[in-house]
């Protein structure tokens, strides 16, 4: 019985950095918490690392918008 309580306390302690990392990424905190709690905090951390950061997503969207604008300008110039 004591082993189970200690196991849950250790899991809760290791969930803190996992949730902190999830806050900076595109994955929701609920998904990160569920994966970390069901499997282990290590698996949860690896799950989070597979998702891009919010800054990366913003950068990629800006690049795609710039490419769209270039494509639209080139189509307008052809006409």
Protein backbone atom coordinates (compact mmCIF):
# COMPACT_ATOMS: atom_id res chain seq x y z
CA UNK A 1 0.00 0.00 0.00
CA UNK A 2 2.80 2.38 0.87
CA UNK A 3 4.49 1.61 -2.43
CA UNK A 4 1.42 2.76 -4.39
CA UNK A 5 1.23 6.03 -2.46
CA UNK A 6 4.95 6.70 -3.00
CA UNK A 7 4.58 5.84 -6.69
CA UNK A 8 1.76 8.37 -7.14
CA UNK A 9 3.65 11.07 -5.24
CA UNK A 10 6.73 10.54 -7.42
CA UNK A 11 4.55 10.64 -10.55
CA UNK A 12 2.94 13.89 -9.43
CA UNK A 13 6.34 15.46 -8.79
CA UNK A 14 7.58 14.48 -12.25
CA UNK A 15 4.39 15.72 -13.87
CA UNK A 16 5.33 19.32 -13.08
CA UNK A 17 8.13 19.65 -15.68
CA UNK A 18 6.07 17.70 -18.21
CA UNK A 19 3.14 20.09 -17.87
CA UNK A 20 5.49 23.07 -17.99
CA UNK A 21 6.91 21.79 -21.29
CA UNK A 22 3.40 21.12 -22.62
CA UNK A 23 2.42 24.71 -21.91
CA UNK A 24 4.98 25.89 -24.48
CA UNK A 25 3.81 23.47 -27.17
CA UNK A 26 0.76 22.94 -29.34
CA UNK A 27 -0.41 19.92 -27.37
CA UNK A 28 -3.11 20.56 -24.79
CA UNK A 29 -2.36 20.24 -21.11
CA UNK A 30 -5.14 17.69 -20.71
CA UNK A 31 -3.63 15.35 -23.30
CA UNK A 32 -0.18 15.73 -21.77
CA UNK A 33 -1.53 15.04 -18.30
CA UNK A 34 -3.45 11.98 -19.46
CA UNK A 35 -0.54 10.44 -21.35
CA UNK A 36 1.89 11.18 -18.52
CA UNK A 37 -0.38 9.84 -15.84
CA UNK A 38 -1.49 6.70 -17.70
CA UNK A 39 1.94 5.64 -19.00
CA UNK A 40 4.71 7.50 -17.20
CA UNK A 41 6.12 11.01 -17.06
CA UNK A 42 9.00 9.94 -19.33
CA UNK A 43 6.61 8.72 -22.04
CA UNK A 44 4.55 11.88 -21.55
CA UNK A 45 7.64 14.04 -22.00
CA UNK A 46 8.54 12.20 -25.21
CA UNK A 47 4.95 12.64 -26.38
CA UNK A 48 5.22 16.38 -25.78
CA UNK A 49 8.55 16.65 -27.58
CA UNK A 50 6.89 15.24 -30.72
CA UNK A 51 4.69 18.34 -30.95
CA UNK A 52 5.96 21.68 -32.30
CA UNK A 53 6.26 24.76 -30.12
CA UNK A 54 3.82 27.61 -30.58
CA UNK A 55 6.62 29.80 -31.96
CA UNK A 56 7.44 27.19 -34.60
CA UNK A 57 3.81 26.95 -35.65
CA UNK A 58 3.55 30.74 -35.89
CA UNK A 59 6.74 30.90 -37.96
CA UNK A 60 5.52 28.17 -40.33
CA UNK A 61 2.19 29.91 -40.80
CA UNK A 62 3.94 33.19 -41.60
CA UNK A 63 6.15 31.47 -44.17
CA UNK A 64 3.14 29.80 -45.77
CA UNK A 65 1.31 33.13 -45.93
CA UNK A 66 4.31 34.75 -47.57
CA UNK A 67 4.47 31.94 -50.13
CA UNK A 68 0.74 32.30 -50.81
CA UNK A 69 1.19 36.02 -51.39
CA UNK A 70 4.04 35.36 -53.82
CA UNK A 71 1.96 32.82 -55.71
CA UNK A 72 -0.97 35.23 -55.93
CA UNK A 73 1.28 38.04 -57.16
CA UNK A 74 2.82 35.83 -59.82
CA UNK A 75 -0.63 34.75 -61.03
CA UNK A 76 -1.74 38.39 -61.20
CA UNK A 77 1.36 39.33 -63.18
CA UNK A 78 0.69 36.55 -65.70
CA UNK A 79 -2.74 37.98 -66.44
